Amino acid sequence: PTVAPTSFTTSADILGRSVRAGRPLSLTVSVRPAASITALVNVEIYDPAGKKVYQKTWDSQSLRSGRTTSF
């Protein structure tokens, strides 16, 4: 089926005071759609050279219009 496009507001926040190479970090990603939708949420992190160093996906996420969902 064809899905009508919708727009999203997204943000990412790093938890903690600093980020250092080779050290773990905690990241919260927030998504707020303009319309309710079921979606695949994909988060990718790249190093300064452009190499993907992390990827996490959440499939079939029910996102509600105007509500922020955090991952």
PDB file of N, CA and C in Angstrom:
ATOM      1  N   PRO A   1       0.819  -1.206   0.000  1.00  0.00           N
ATOM      2  CA  PRO A   1       0.000   0.000   0.000  1.00  0.00           C
ATOM      3  C   PRO A   1       0.855   1.259   0.000  1.00  0.00           C
ATOM      4  N   THR A   2       0.312   2.290  -0.550  1.00  0.00           N
ATOM      5  CA  THR A   2       0.996   3.575  -0.583  1.00  0.00           C
ATOM      6  C   THR A   2       0.716   4.321   0.708  1.00  0.00           C
ATOM      7  N   VAL A   3       1.754   4.912   1.267  1.00  0.00           N
ATOM      8  CA  VAL A   3       1.626   5.666   2.517  1.00  0.00           C
ATOM      9  C   VAL A   3       1.812   7.141   2.206  1.00  0.00           C
ATOM     10  N   ALA A   4       0.900   7.957   2.690  1.00  0.00           N
ATOM     11  CA  ALA A   4       1.024   9.403   2.491  1.00  0.00           C
ATOM     12  C   ALA A   4       2.214   9.925   3.289  1.00  0.00           C
ATOM     13  N   PRO A   5       3.010  10.799   2.695  1.00  0.00           N
ATOM     14  CA  PRO A   5       4.168  11.328   3.422  1.00  0.00           C
ATOM     15  C   PRO A   5       3.723  12.234   4.566  1.00  0.00           C
ATOM     16  N   THR A   6       4.509  12.292   5.602  1.00  0.00           N
ATOM     17  CA  THR A   6       4.283  13.218   6.711  1.00  0.00           C
ATOM     18  C   THR A   6       5.630  13.805   7.106  1.00  0.00           C
ATOM     19  N   SER A   7       5.591  14.922   7.797  1.00  0.00           N
ATOM     20  CA  SER A   7       6.842  15.522   8.257  1.00  0.00           C
ATOM     21  C   SER A   7       7.072  15.159   9.718  1.00  0.00           C
ATOM     22  N   PHE A   8       8.328  15.195  10.118  1.00  0.00           N
ATOM     23  CA  PHE A   8       8.737  14.826  11.461  1.00  0.00           C
ATOM     24  C   PHE A   8       9.624  15.909  12.040  1.00  0.00           C
ATOM     25  N   THR A   9       9.529  16.100  13.335  1.00  0.00           N
ATOM     26  CA  THR A   9      10.503  16.886  14.076  1.00  0.00           C
ATOM     27  C   THR A   9      11.339  15.874  14.840  1.00  0.00           C
ATOM     28  N   THR A  10      12.648  15.967  14.716  1.00  0.00           N
ATOM     29  CA  THR A  10      13.532  15.022  15.390  1.00  0.00           C
ATOM     30  C   THR A  10      14.591  15.765  16.180  1.00  0.00           C
ATOM     31  N   SER A  11      15.087  15.096  17.215  1.00  0.00           N
ATOM     32  CA  SER A  11      16.201  15.653  17.980  1.00  0.00           C
ATOM     33  C   SER A  11      16.968  14.508  18.624  1.00  0.00           C
ATOM     34  N   ALA A  12      18.192  14.798  19.015  1.00  0.00           N
ATOM     35  CA  ALA A  12      19.026  13.819  19.715  1.00  0.00           C
ATOM     36  C   ALA A  12      19.756  14.536  20.836  1.00  0.00           C
ATOM     37  N   ASP A  13      19.763  13.908  22.002  1.00  0.00           N
ATOM     38  CA  ASP A  13      20.444  14.474  23.159  1.00  0.00           C
ATOM     39  C   ASP A  13      21.418  13.451  23.717  1.00  0.00           C
ATOM     40  N   ILE A  14      22.638  13.889  23.960  1.00  0.00           N
ATOM     41  CA  ILE A  14      23.650  13.037  24.581  1.00  0.00           C
ATOM     42  C   ILE A  14      23.548  13.225  26.088  1.00  0.00           C
ATOM     43  N   LEU A  15      23.449  12.117  26.805  1.00  0.00           N
ATOM     44  CA  LEU A  15      23.357  12.170  28.255  1.00  0.00           C
ATOM     45  C   LEU A  15      24.765  12.156  28.842  1.00  0.00           C
ATOM     46  N   GLY A  16      25.037  13.060  29.733  1.00  0.00           N
ATOM     47  CA  GLY A  16      26.367  13.166  30.317  1.00  0.00           C
ATOM     48  C   GLY A  16      27.013  14.482  29.946  1.00  0.00           C
ATOM     49  N   ARG A  17      28.179  14.680  30.451  1.00  0.00           N
ATOM     50  CA  ARG A  17      28.843  15.965  30.269  1.00  0.00           C
ATOM     51  C   ARG A  17      29.772  16.040  29.073  1.00  0.00           C
ATOM     52  N   SER A  18      30.301  14.894  28.642  1.00  0.00           N
ATOM     53  CA  SER A  18      31.262  14.949  27.545  1.00  0.00           C
ATOM     54  C   SER A  18      31.236  13.668  26.733  1.00  0.00           C
ATOM     55  N   VAL A  19      31.748  13.790  25.522  1.00  0.00           N
ATOM     56  CA  VAL A  19      31.900  12.643  24.628  1.00  0.00           C
ATOM     57  C   VAL A  19      33.380  12.495  24.343  1.00  0.00           C
ATOM     58  N   ARG A  20      33.901  11.284  24.535  1.00  0.00           N
ATOM     59  CA  ARG A  20      35.310  11.028  24.278  1.00  0.00           C
ATOM     60  C   ARG A  20      35.440   9.825  23.375  1.00  0.00           C
ATOM     61  N   ALA A  21      36.398   9.884  22.475  1.00  0.00           N
ATOM     62  CA  ALA A  21      36.650   8.776  21.555  1.00  0.00           C
ATOM     63  C   ALA A  21      36.894   7.490  22.329  1.00  0.00           C
ATOM     64  N   GLY A  22      36.239   6.419  21.888  1.00  0.00           N
ATOM     65  CA  GLY A  22      36.437   5.114  22.495  1.00  0.00           C
ATOM     66  C   GLY A  22      35.664   4.885  23.778  1.00  0.00           C
ATOM     67  N   ARG A  23      34.919   5.883  24.250  1.00  0.00           N
ATOM     68  CA  ARG A  23      34.148   5.757  25.494  1.00  0.00           C
ATOM     69  C   ARG A  23      32.668   5.609  25.157  1.00  0.00           C
ATOM     70  N   PRO A  24      31.931   4.823  25.935  1.00  0.00           N
ATOM     71  CA  PRO A  24      30.492   4.683  25.677  1.00  0.00           C
ATOM     72  C   PRO A  24      29.748   5.987  25.971  1.00  0.00           C
ATOM     73  N   LEU A  25      28.586   6.127  25.348  1.00  0.00           N
ATOM     74  CA  LEU A  25      27.751   7.278  25.622  1.00  0.00           C
ATOM     75  C   LEU A  25      26.287   6.848  25.594  1.00  0.00           C
ATOM     76  N   SER A  26      25.451   7.645  26.191  1.00  0.00           N
ATOM     77  CA  SER A  26      24.009   7.408  26.162  1.00  0.00           C
ATOM     78  C   SER A  26      23.373   8.498  25.324  1.00  0.00           C
ATOM     79  N   LEU A  27      22.480   8.090  24.442  1.00  0.00           N
ATOM     80  CA  LEU A  27      21.857   9.003  23.498  1.00  0.00           C
ATOM     81  C   LEU A  27      20.355   8.789  23.528  1.00  0.00           C
ATOM     82  N   THR A  28      19.600   9.859  23.598  1.00  0.00           N
ATOM     83  CA  THR A  28      18.151   9.792  23.488  1.00  0.00           C
ATOM     84  C   THR A  28      17.750  10.471  22.195  1.00  0.00           C
ATOM     85  N   VAL A  29      16.981   9.758  21.376  1.00  0.00           N
ATOM     86  CA  VAL A  29      16.491  10.289  20.114  1.00  0.00           C
ATOM     87  C   VAL A  29      14.990  10.477  20.246  1.00  0.00           C
ATOM     88  N   SER A  30      14.495  11.647  19.853  1.00  0.00           N
ATOM     89  CA  SER A  30      13.068  11.946  19.946  1.00  0.00           C
ATOM     90  C   SER A  30      12.500  12.217  18.562  1.00  0.00           C
ATOM     91  N   VAL A  31      11.282  11.717  18.342  1.00  0.00           N
ATOM     92  CA  VAL A  31      10.594  11.880  17.058  1.00  0.00           C
ATOM     93  C   VAL A  31       9.182  12.390  17.338  1.00  0.00           C
ATOM     94  N   ARG A  32       8.769  13.423  16.606  1.00  0.00           N
ATOM     95  CA  ARG A  32       7.405  13.946  16.720  1.00  0.00           C
ATOM     96  C   ARG A  32       6.841  14.145  15.319  1.00  0.00           C
ATOM     97  N   PRO A  33       5.878  13.310  14.913  1.00  0.00           N
ATOM     98  CA  PRO A  33       5.317  13.431  13.570  1.00  0.00           C
ATOM     99  C   PRO A  33       4.196  14.472  13.503  1.00  0.00           C
ATOM    100  N   ALA A  34       3.983  15.019  12.311  1.00  0.00           N
ATOM    101  CA  ALA A  34       2.884  15.954  12.091  1.00  0.00           C
ATOM    102  C   ALA A  34       1.550  15.215  12.006  1.00  0.00           C
ATOM    103  N   ALA A  35       1.586  13.930  11.642  1.00  0.00           N
ATOM    104  CA  ALA A  35       0.381  13.103  11.547  1.00  0.00           C
ATOM    105  C   ALA A  35       0.685  11.744  12.158  1.00  0.00           C
ATOM    106  N   SER A  36      -0.322  11.099  12.724  1.00  0.00           N
ATOM    107  CA  SER A  36      -0.125   9.762  13.292  1.00  0.00           C
ATOM    108  C   SER A  36       0.289   8.790  12.193  1.00  0.00           C
ATOM    109  N   ILE A  37       1.249   7.935  12.530  1.00  0.00           N
ATOM    110  CA  ILE A  37       1.790   7.014  11.528  1.00  0.00           C
ATOM    111  C   ILE A  37       2.469   5.839  12.236  1.00  0.00           C
ATOM    112  N   THR A  38       2.518   4.707  11.575  1.00  0.00           N
ATOM    113  CA  THR A  38       3.344   3.585  12.016  1.00  0.00           C
ATOM    114  C   THR A  38       4.597   3.618  11.149  1.00  0.00           C
ATOM    115  N   ALA A  39       5.761   3.627  11.782  1.00  0.00           N
ATOM    116  CA  ALA A  39       6.990   3.870  11.024  1.00  0.00           C
ATOM    117  C   ALA A  39       8.154   3.047  11.543  1.00  0.00           C
ATOM    118  N   LEU A  40       9.154   2.936  10.714  1.00  0.00           N
ATOM    119  CA  LEU A  40      10.452   2.387  11.091  1.00  0.00           C
ATOM    120  C   LEU A  40      11.304   3.578  11.524  1.00  0.00           C
ATOM    121  N   VAL A  41      11.835   3.523  12.739  1.00  0.00           N
ATOM    122  CA  VAL A  41      12.727   4.570  13.232  1.00  0.00           C
ATOM    123  C   VAL A  41      14.143   4.022  13.127  1.00  0.00           C
ATOM    124  N   ASN A  42      14.996   4.746  12.442  1.00  0.00           N
ATOM    125  CA  ASN A  42      16.367   4.317  12.190  1.00  0.00           C
ATOM    126  C   ASN A  42      17.324   5.386  12.699  1.00  0.00           C
ATOM    127  N   VAL A  43      18.243   5.004  13.592  1.00  0.00           N
ATOM    128  CA  VAL A  43      19.245   5.926  14.118  1.00  0.00           C
ATOM    129  C   VAL A  43      20.616   5.432  13.666  1.00  0.00           C
ATOM    130  N   GLU A  44      21.375   6.317  13.060  1.00  0.00           N
ATOM    131  CA  GLU A  44      22.730   5.993  12.614  1.00  0.00           C
ATOM    132  C   GLU A  44      23.688   7.039  13.165  1.00  0.00           C
ATOM    133  N   ILE A  45      24.853   6.594  13.612  1.00  0.00           N
ATOM    134  CA  ILE A  45      25.901   7.488  14.091  1.00  0.00           C
ATOM    135  C   ILE A  45      27.136   7.273  13.232  1.00  0.00           C
ATOM    136  N   TYR A  46      27.740   8.378  12.812  1.00  0.00           N
ATOM    137  CA  TYR A  46      28.919   8.343  11.951  1.00  0.00           C
ATOM    138  C   TYR A  46      30.089   9.020  12.657  1.00  0.00           C
ATOM    139  N   ASP A  47      31.289   8.499  12.390  1.00  0.00           N
ATOM    140  CA  ASP A  47      32.484   9.130  12.941  1.00  0.00           C
ATOM    141  C   ASP A  47      32.868  10.331  12.071  1.00  0.00           C
ATOM    142  N   PRO A  48      33.872  11.112  12.480  1.00  0.00           N
ATOM    143  CA  PRO A  48      34.254  12.303  11.707  1.00  0.00           C
ATOM    144  C   PRO A  48      34.674  12.007  10.262  1.00  0.00           C
ATOM    145  N   ALA A  49      35.119  10.776   9.990  1.00  0.00           N
ATOM    146  CA  ALA A  49      35.528  10.416   8.634  1.00  0.00           C
ATOM    147  C   ALA A  49      34.344   9.978   7.775  1.00  0.00           C
ATOM    148  N   GLY A  50      33.148   9.955   8.359  1.00  0.00           N
ATOM    149  CA  GLY A  50      31.968   9.569   7.599  1.00  0.00           C
ATOM    150  C   GLY A  50      31.658   8.082   7.629  1.00  0.00           C
ATOM    151  N   LYS A  51      32.362   7.324   8.466  1.00  0.00           N
ATOM    152  CA  LYS A  51      32.131   5.886   8.578  1.00  0.00           C
ATOM    153  C   LYS A  51      31.032   5.630   9.616  1.00  0.00           C
ATOM    154  N   LYS A  52      30.042   4.810   9.232  1.00  0.00           N
ATOM    155  CA  LYS A  52      28.979   4.473  10.169  1.00  0.00           C
ATOM    156  C   LYS A  52      29.546   3.598  11.275  1.00  0.00           C
ATOM    157  N   VAL A  53      29.341   4.024  12.533  1.00  0.00           N
ATOM    158  CA  VAL A  53      29.883   3.287  13.673  1.00  0.00           C
ATOM    159  C   VAL A  53      28.789   2.665  14.540  1.00  0.00           C
ATOM    160  N   TYR A  54      27.526   3.021  14.281  1.00  0.00           N
ATOM    161  CA  TYR A  54      26.436   2.475  15.078  1.00  0.00           C
ATOM    162  C   TYR A  54      25.130   2.621  14.309  1.00  0.00           C
ATOM    163  N   GLN A  55      24.256   1.624  14.449  1.00  0.00           N
ATOM    164  CA  GLN A  55      22.919   1.704  13.867  1.00  0.00           C
ATOM    165  C   GLN A  55      21.953   0.927  14.750  1.00  0.00           C
ATOM    166  N   LYS A  56      20.799   1.522  14.994  1.00  0.00           N
ATOM    167  CA  LYS A  56      19.738   0.871  15.758  1.00  0.00           C
ATOM    168  C   LYS A  56      18.417   1.200  15.086  1.00  0.00           C
ATOM    169  N   THR A  57      17.562   0.191  14.918  1.00  0.00           N
ATOM    170  CA  THR A  57      16.258   0.416  14.308  1.00  0.00           C
ATOM    171  C   THR A  57      15.154  -0.101  15.218  1.00  0.00           C
ATOM    172  N   TRP A  58      14.012   0.544  15.131  1.00  0.00           N
ATOM    173  CA  TRP A  58      12.795   0.120  15.816  1.00  0.00           C
ATOM    174  C   TRP A  58      11.715   0.069  14.746  1.00  0.00           C
ATOM    175  N   ASP A  59      11.210  -1.117  14.447  1.00  0.00           N
ATOM    176  CA  ASP A  59      10.228  -1.280  13.380  1.00  0.00           C
ATOM    177  C   ASP A  59       8.816  -1.188  13.940  1.00  0.00           C
ATOM    178  N   SER A  60       7.898  -0.805  13.084  1.00  0.00           N
ATOM    179  CA  SER A  60       6.462  -0.768  13.395  1.00  0.00           C
ATOM    180  C   SER A  60       6.145   0.059  14.638  1.00  0.00           C
ATOM    181  N   GLN A  61       6.757   1.228  14.737  1.00  0.00           N
ATOM    182  CA  GLN A  61       6.508   2.111  15.876  1.00  0.00           C
ATOM    183  C   GLN A  61       5.269   2.974  15.606  1.00  0.00           C
ATOM    184  N   SER A  62       4.327   2.955  16.534  1.00  0.00           N
ATOM    185  CA  SER A  62       3.125   3.788  16.425  1.00  0.00           C
ATOM    186  C   SER A  62       3.457   5.172  16.964  1.00  0.00           C
ATOM    187  N   LEU A  63       3.542   6.135  16.074  1.00  0.00           N
ATOM    188  CA  LEU A  63       3.873   7.505  16.434  1.00  0.00           C
ATOM    189  C   LEU A  63       2.605   8.342  16.306  1.00  0.00           C
ATOM    190  N   ARG A  64       2.265   9.100  17.346  1.00  0.00           N
ATOM    191  CA  ARG A  64       1.021   9.858  17.399  1.00  0.00           C
ATOM    192  C   ARG A  64       1.256  11.307  16.990  1.00  0.00           C
ATOM    193  N   SER A  65       0.325  11.842  16.269  1.00  0.00           N
ATOM    194  CA  SER A  65       0.387  13.219  15.798  1.00  0.00           C
ATOM    195  C   SER A  65       0.656  14.202  16.943  1.00  0.00           C
ATOM    196  N   GLY A  66       1.707  14.993  16.788  1.00  0.00           N
ATOM    197  CA  GLY A  66       2.027  16.033  17.767  1.00  0.00           C
ATOM    198  C   GLY A  66       2.609  15.540  19.083  1.00  0.00           C
ATOM    199  N   ARG A  67       2.788  14.237  19.248  1.00  0.00           N
ATOM    200  CA  ARG A  67       3.366  13.695  20.485  1.00  0.00           C
ATOM    201  C   ARG A  67       4.800  13.244  20.241  1.00  0.00           C
ATOM    202  N   THR A  68       5.658  13.539  21.193  1.00  0.00           N
ATOM    203  CA  THR A  68       7.064  13.154  21.083  1.00  0.00           C
ATOM    204  C   THR A  68       7.254  11.751  21.664  1.00  0.00           C
ATOM    205  N   THR A  69       7.926  10.901  20.888  1.00  0.00           N
ATOM    206  CA  THR A  69       8.289   9.558  21.344  1.00  0.00           C
ATOM    207  C   THR A  69       9.812   9.506  21.404  1.00  0.00           C
ATOM    208  N   SER A  70      10.335   8.999  22.518  1.00  0.00           N
ATOM    209  CA  SER A  70      11.788   8.938  22.708  1.00  0.00           C
ATOM    210  C   SER A  70      12.290   7.505  22.632  1.00  0.00           C
ATOM    211  N   PHE A  71      13.470   7.341  22.089  1.00  0.00           N
ATOM    212  CA  PHE A  71      14.122   6.037  21.951  1.00  0.00           C
ATOM    213  C   PHE A  71      15.508   6.114  22.543  1.00  0.00           C
TER     214      PHE A  71
END
